[in-house]
Amino acid sequence: MNVTFEEALSSLEKVVETLETGDIPLAELVKKYEEGLMFLKICENQLKDAELKIQQISQDNTQTTFNGLE
């Protein structure tokens, strides 16, 4: 599934709202819970990817700065 972080987060929030109402049959509740976990995993993976990119950029910038000072 190719969705942006914002789309996955929005979908996750909608699932949580649906689950919190408690007005859905058990089978639907289980299905929504499963959907929620899928969107949560997408968000977590995209956050991890962003964190790794930021760390890489920071390391590259630090190395450039130190190399410029030598």
Foldseek 3Di string as FASTA:
>chain_A
DDDDLVVLVVLLVVLVVVLVVVPDDPVVNVVSVVSNVVSVVVNVVVVVVVVVVVVVVVVVVVVVVVVVVD
